[in-house]
C-alpha cells in the first residue's frame, strides 16, 4: 500500500502530543487518525552513528510498506525503534504486525 511520508517537525510534534502509543518488543508506534496513510521514523542517536541509523530507517520503511495493508483505517504513524544489539527486517515486520493488530482492536471499540 502506498503511503505518504511525515517530514515536517510540526507533523511530528502533533503526533507526539496527541497520538496514542502502542508497544511491541522492538518498536513503539505512535498513531493518530488521518485522511491518508502517512508514516515517519524517529531514530535517536542512541542507536549508533549515521550509517546504522539510516539502515534502521530503511528496514522500518520496507517492513511498513509490506505490512501497512493490515491497518483497517488510514493513520498518521511514527515508528520509534527500541535500542537493540541487532536489527532485522523480520523482527520489525513481526513487531509491526503485532502493533497493527492492537491498533485495529482499539479502533473497533
N, C-alpha and C. Protein backbone atom coordinates (compact mmCIF):
# COMPACT_ATOMS: atom_id res chain seq x y z
N UNK A 1 0.84 -1.18 0.00
CA UNK A 1 0.00 0.00 0.00
C UNK A 1 0.89 1.24 0.00
N UNK A 2 0.52 2.21 -0.78
CA UNK A 2 1.28 3.45 -0.87
C UNK A 2 0.97 4.33 0.32
N UNK A 3 1.98 4.99 0.82
CA UNK A 3 1.79 5.87 1.96
C UNK A 3 2.58 7.16 1.77
N UNK A 4 2.16 8.20 2.50
CA UNK A 4 2.85 9.48 2.49
C UNK A 4 3.92 9.47 3.56
N UNK A 5 4.93 10.32 3.40
CA UNK A 5 5.98 10.42 4.40
C UNK A 5 5.74 11.63 5.29
N UNK A 6 5.93 11.46 6.57
CA UNK A 6 5.87 12.59 7.51
C UNK A 6 7.27 13.16 7.59
N UNK A 7 7.41 14.44 7.23
CA UNK A 7 8.73 15.06 7.19
C UNK A 7 8.83 16.31 8.05
N UNK A 8 7.71 17.04 8.18
CA UNK A 8 7.75 18.32 8.88
C UNK A 8 7.76 18.14 10.40
N UNK A 9 8.50 18.99 11.07
CA UNK A 9 8.59 18.96 12.51
C UNK A 9 7.22 19.16 13.15
N UNK A 10 6.40 20.03 12.57
CA UNK A 10 5.07 20.30 13.13
C UNK A 10 4.19 19.03 13.10
N UNK A 11 4.32 18.23 12.04
CA UNK A 11 3.56 16.98 11.95
C UNK A 11 4.03 15.98 13.01
N UNK A 12 5.36 15.91 13.21
CA UNK A 12 5.90 15.03 14.25
C UNK A 12 5.41 15.47 15.62
N UNK A 13 5.45 16.78 15.89
CA UNK A 13 5.04 17.29 17.20
C UNK A 13 3.56 17.01 17.47
N UNK A 14 2.72 17.14 16.44
CA UNK A 14 1.30 16.86 16.58
C UNK A 14 1.08 15.41 17.02
N UNK A 15 1.81 14.49 16.39
CA UNK A 15 1.67 13.09 16.74
C UNK A 15 2.23 12.78 18.14
N UNK A 16 3.37 13.39 18.48
CA UNK A 16 3.94 13.17 19.80
C UNK A 16 3.02 13.69 20.90
N UNK A 17 2.31 14.79 20.63
CA UNK A 17 1.43 15.38 21.64
C UNK A 17 0.05 14.72 21.70
N UNK A 18 -0.55 14.44 20.54
CA UNK A 18 -1.93 13.96 20.51
C UNK A 18 -2.07 12.47 20.21
N UNK A 19 -1.03 11.84 19.69
CA UNK A 19 -1.13 10.45 19.26
C UNK A 19 -1.22 9.46 20.40
N UNK A 20 -1.73 8.29 20.08
CA UNK A 20 -1.79 7.19 21.02
C UNK A 20 -0.60 6.27 20.78
N UNK A 21 -0.17 5.57 21.83
CA UNK A 21 1.01 4.71 21.72
C UNK A 21 0.64 3.24 21.81
N UNK A 22 1.40 2.45 21.04
CA UNK A 22 1.30 1.00 21.10
C UNK A 22 2.73 0.48 21.20
N UNK A 23 2.94 -0.50 22.08
CA UNK A 23 4.29 -1.01 22.30
C UNK A 23 4.42 -2.45 21.84
N UNK A 24 5.59 -2.78 21.30
CA UNK A 24 5.94 -4.15 20.95
C UNK A 24 7.39 -4.35 21.39
N UNK A 25 7.92 -5.56 21.30
CA UNK A 25 9.30 -5.79 21.76
C UNK A 25 10.36 -4.94 21.03
N UNK A 26 10.15 -4.62 19.77
CA UNK A 26 11.17 -3.89 19.00
C UNK A 26 10.80 -2.46 18.64
N UNK A 27 9.52 -2.11 18.73
CA UNK A 27 9.05 -0.82 18.22
C UNK A 27 8.04 -0.19 19.18
N UNK A 28 8.08 1.14 19.26
CA UNK A 28 6.99 1.91 19.83
C UNK A 28 6.31 2.61 18.66
N UNK A 29 5.01 2.46 18.56
CA UNK A 29 4.27 3.03 17.43
C UNK A 29 3.32 4.10 17.96
N UNK A 30 3.44 5.31 17.42
CA UNK A 30 2.51 6.40 17.73
C UNK A 30 1.56 6.53 16.55
N UNK A 31 0.26 6.65 16.82
CA UNK A 31 -0.69 6.76 15.71
C UNK A 31 -1.79 7.76 16.03
N UNK A 32 -2.36 8.31 14.96
CA UNK A 32 -3.45 9.27 15.07
C UNK A 32 -4.27 9.15 13.78
N UNK A 33 -5.60 9.12 13.86
CA UNK A 33 -6.41 9.00 12.64
C UNK A 33 -6.14 10.15 11.65
N UNK A 34 -6.15 9.82 10.36
CA UNK A 34 -5.86 10.81 9.31
C UNK A 34 -6.66 10.48 8.06
N UNK A 35 -6.60 11.39 7.08
CA UNK A 35 -7.28 11.16 5.80
C UNK A 35 -6.53 10.15 4.95
N UNK A 36 -5.20 10.26 4.96
CA UNK A 36 -4.35 9.36 4.17
C UNK A 36 -3.35 8.68 5.08
N UNK A 37 -2.90 7.49 4.67
CA UNK A 37 -1.88 6.78 5.42
C UNK A 37 -0.55 7.53 5.30
N UNK A 38 0.05 7.85 6.43
CA UNK A 38 1.33 8.57 6.44
C UNK A 38 2.22 7.96 7.51
N UNK A 39 3.54 7.95 7.22
CA UNK A 39 4.47 7.32 8.14
C UNK A 39 5.74 8.13 8.26
N UNK A 40 6.24 8.21 9.48
CA UNK A 40 7.52 8.85 9.75
C UNK A 40 8.32 7.95 10.67
N UNK A 41 9.65 8.14 10.67
CA UNK A 41 10.53 7.33 11.50
C UNK A 41 11.35 8.26 12.38
N UNK A 42 11.44 7.94 13.67
CA UNK A 42 12.24 8.72 14.60
C UNK A 42 13.30 7.80 15.21
N UNK A 43 14.55 7.97 14.79
CA UNK A 43 15.65 7.15 15.30
C UNK A 43 16.65 8.07 15.98
N UNK A 44 16.85 7.87 17.28
CA UNK A 44 17.72 8.77 18.04
C UNK A 44 19.19 8.36 17.90
N UNK A 45 20.06 9.22 18.39
CA UNK A 45 21.49 8.96 18.31
C UNK A 45 21.94 7.84 19.24
N UNK A 46 21.05 7.40 20.12
CA UNK A 46 21.35 6.26 20.99
C UNK A 46 21.59 4.98 20.19
N UNK A 47 21.03 4.94 18.97
CA UNK A 47 21.11 3.74 18.14
C UNK A 47 22.46 3.58 17.44
N UNK A 48 23.27 4.61 17.43
CA UNK A 48 24.58 4.50 16.79
C UNK A 48 24.84 5.65 15.85
N UNK A 49 25.86 5.48 15.04
CA UNK A 49 26.24 6.52 14.09
C UNK A 49 25.27 6.54 12.91
N UNK A 50 25.45 7.52 12.02
CA UNK A 50 24.50 7.78 10.94
C UNK A 50 24.27 6.57 10.04
N UNK A 51 25.31 5.81 9.75
CA UNK A 51 25.16 4.65 8.87
C UNK A 51 24.18 3.64 9.47
N UNK A 52 24.33 3.38 10.76
CA UNK A 52 23.45 2.42 11.44
C UNK A 52 22.03 2.96 11.54
N UNK A 53 21.89 4.25 11.85
CA UNK A 53 20.54 4.85 11.94
C UNK A 53 19.84 4.82 10.59
N UNK A 54 20.56 5.10 9.52
CA UNK A 54 19.96 5.06 8.18
C UNK A 54 19.53 3.65 7.80
N UNK A 55 20.31 2.64 8.19
CA UNK A 55 19.95 1.25 7.92
C UNK A 55 18.65 0.90 8.66
N UNK A 56 18.54 1.33 9.91
CA UNK A 56 17.33 1.07 10.69
C UNK A 56 16.12 1.71 10.00
N UNK A 57 16.28 2.95 9.52
CA UNK A 57 15.18 3.63 8.83
C UNK A 57 14.77 2.89 7.57
N UNK A 58 15.75 2.42 6.79
CA UNK A 58 15.44 1.66 5.57
C UNK A 58 14.67 0.38 5.91
N UNK A 59 15.12 -0.33 6.93
CA UNK A 59 14.44 -1.56 7.33
C UNK A 59 13.01 -1.28 7.79
N UNK A 60 12.82 -0.23 8.56
CA UNK A 60 11.48 0.11 9.04
C UNK A 60 10.55 0.51 7.89
N UNK A 61 11.05 1.31 6.96
CA UNK A 61 10.22 1.72 5.82
C UNK A 61 9.81 0.51 4.98
N UNK A 62 10.76 -0.41 4.74
CA UNK A 62 10.45 -1.61 3.95
C UNK A 62 9.44 -2.49 4.66
N UNK A 63 9.62 -2.68 5.96
CA UNK A 63 8.68 -3.50 6.73
C UNK A 63 7.29 -2.86 6.76
N UNK A 64 7.25 -1.53 6.90
CA UNK A 64 5.96 -0.82 6.92
C UNK A 64 5.25 -0.94 5.59
N UNK A 65 5.97 -0.79 4.48
CA UNK A 65 5.32 -0.85 3.17
C UNK A 65 4.76 -2.26 2.89
N UNK A 66 5.39 -3.29 3.45
CA UNK A 66 4.88 -4.65 3.25
C UNK A 66 3.69 -4.97 4.13
N UNK A 67 3.63 -4.37 5.32
CA UNK A 67 2.59 -4.75 6.28
C UNK A 67 1.47 -3.72 6.42
N UNK A 68 1.57 -2.57 5.78
CA UNK A 68 0.60 -1.49 6.01
C UNK A 68 -0.82 -1.83 5.57
N UNK A 69 -1.00 -2.82 4.69
CA UNK A 69 -2.36 -3.17 4.28
C UNK A 69 -3.15 -3.82 5.41
N UNK A 70 -2.49 -4.18 6.49
CA UNK A 70 -3.17 -4.78 7.65
C UNK A 70 -3.89 -3.74 8.52
N UNK A 71 -3.64 -2.46 8.29
CA UNK A 71 -4.36 -1.42 9.01
C UNK A 71 -5.75 -1.25 8.39
N UNK A 72 -6.77 -1.19 9.26
CA UNK A 72 -8.14 -1.07 8.75
C UNK A 72 -8.46 0.32 8.24
N UNK A 73 -7.92 1.34 8.91
CA UNK A 73 -8.18 2.74 8.55
C UNK A 73 -6.87 3.45 8.27
N UNK A 74 -6.93 4.60 7.58
CA UNK A 74 -5.70 5.37 7.41
C UNK A 74 -5.30 6.11 8.69
N UNK A 75 -4.04 6.06 9.01
CA UNK A 75 -3.50 6.72 10.19
C UNK A 75 -2.22 7.46 9.82
N UNK A 76 -1.89 8.45 10.63
CA UNK A 76 -0.54 9.01 10.62
C UNK A 76 0.22 8.23 11.68
N UNK A 77 1.38 7.71 11.31
CA UNK A 77 2.11 6.80 12.19
C UNK A 77 3.55 7.25 12.32
N UNK A 78 4.09 7.18 13.54
CA UNK A 78 5.53 7.37 13.75
C UNK A 78 6.07 6.08 14.35
N UNK A 79 7.14 5.57 13.76
CA UNK A 79 7.78 4.36 14.25
C UNK A 79 9.04 4.75 15.02
N UNK A 80 9.16 4.27 16.25
CA UNK A 80 10.33 4.54 17.07
C UNK A 80 10.92 3.20 17.47
N UNK A 81 12.09 2.84 16.92
CA UNK A 81 12.68 1.55 17.27
C UNK A 81 13.29 1.59 18.68
N UNK A 82 13.28 0.44 19.33
CA UNK A 82 13.92 0.33 20.64
C UNK A 82 15.38 -0.07 20.43
N UNK A 83 16.24 0.37 21.32
CA UNK A 83 17.67 0.08 21.20
C UNK A 83 17.89 -1.42 21.36
N UNK A 84 18.62 -2.01 20.39
CA UNK A 84 18.91 -3.44 20.42
C UNK A 84 20.31 -3.67 19.86
N UNK A 85 20.80 -4.87 20.08
CA UNK A 85 22.13 -5.23 19.56
C UNK A 85 22.10 -5.36 18.04
N UNK A 86 21.03 -6.00 17.54
CA UNK A 86 20.93 -6.25 16.11
C UNK A 86 19.51 -5.94 15.64
N UNK A 87 19.39 -5.41 14.44
CA UNK A 87 18.09 -5.05 13.86
C UNK A 87 17.88 -5.88 12.60
N UNK A 88 16.73 -6.56 12.51
CA UNK A 88 16.45 -7.36 11.32
C UNK A 88 15.09 -6.98 10.74
N UNK A 89 14.98 -7.20 9.46
CA UNK A 89 13.74 -6.93 8.74
C UNK A 89 12.59 -7.77 9.31
N UNK A 90 12.85 -9.04 9.54
CA UNK A 90 11.80 -9.94 10.03
C UNK A 90 11.31 -9.53 11.42
N UNK A 91 12.22 -9.10 12.28
CA UNK A 91 11.83 -8.68 13.63
C UNK A 91 10.94 -7.43 13.56
N UNK A 92 11.31 -6.47 12.70
CA UNK A 92 10.50 -5.26 12.54
C UNK A 92 9.13 -5.60 11.95
N UNK A 93 9.11 -6.50 10.98
CA UNK A 93 7.86 -6.89 10.33
C UNK A 93 6.92 -7.54 11.35
N UNK A 94 7.47 -8.44 12.16
CA UNK A 94 6.67 -9.13 13.18
C UNK A 94 6.14 -8.13 14.21
N UNK A 95 6.98 -7.18 14.63
CA UNK A 95 6.55 -6.17 15.59
C UNK A 95 5.47 -5.27 15.03
N UNK A 96 5.61 -4.90 13.75
CA UNK A 96 4.60 -4.05 13.12
C UNK A 96 3.25 -4.76 13.04
N UNK A 97 3.26 -6.03 12.67
CA UNK A 97 2.01 -6.78 12.61
C UNK A 97 1.35 -6.85 13.99
N UNK A 98 2.15 -7.03 15.02
CA UNK A 98 1.65 -7.05 16.40
C UNK A 98 1.03 -5.70 16.75
N UNK A 99 1.72 -4.61 16.41
CA UNK A 99 1.21 -3.25 16.70
C UNK A 99 -0.07 -2.95 15.93
N UNK A 100 -0.10 -3.32 14.64
CA UNK A 100 -1.28 -3.06 13.82
C UNK A 100 -2.49 -3.82 14.37
N UNK A 101 -2.27 -5.02 14.88
CA UNK A 101 -3.36 -5.80 15.47
C UNK A 101 -3.94 -5.05 16.67
N UNK A 102 -3.07 -4.48 17.51
CA UNK A 102 -3.53 -3.71 18.67
C UNK A 102 -4.27 -2.44 18.24
N UNK A 103 -3.74 -1.76 17.21
CA UNK A 103 -4.38 -0.54 16.73
C UNK A 103 -5.78 -0.86 16.18
N UNK A 104 -5.92 -1.94 15.43
CA UNK A 104 -7.21 -2.32 14.88
C UNK A 104 -8.20 -2.70 15.98
N UNK A 105 -7.71 -3.33 17.05
CA UNK A 105 -8.58 -3.67 18.18
C UNK A 105 -9.09 -2.41 18.87
N UNK A 106 -8.22 -1.42 19.01
CA UNK A 106 -8.62 -0.15 19.63
C UNK A 106 -9.63 0.59 18.77
N UNK A 107 -9.49 0.47 17.45
CA UNK A 107 -10.39 1.17 16.52
C UNK A 107 -11.81 0.58 16.56
N UNK A 108 -11.89 -0.73 16.84
CA UNK A 108 -13.21 -1.38 16.88
C UNK A 108 -14.03 -0.91 18.07
N UNK A 109 -13.37 -0.71 19.19
CA UNK A 109 -14.10 -0.36 20.41
C UNK A 109 -14.30 1.12 20.60
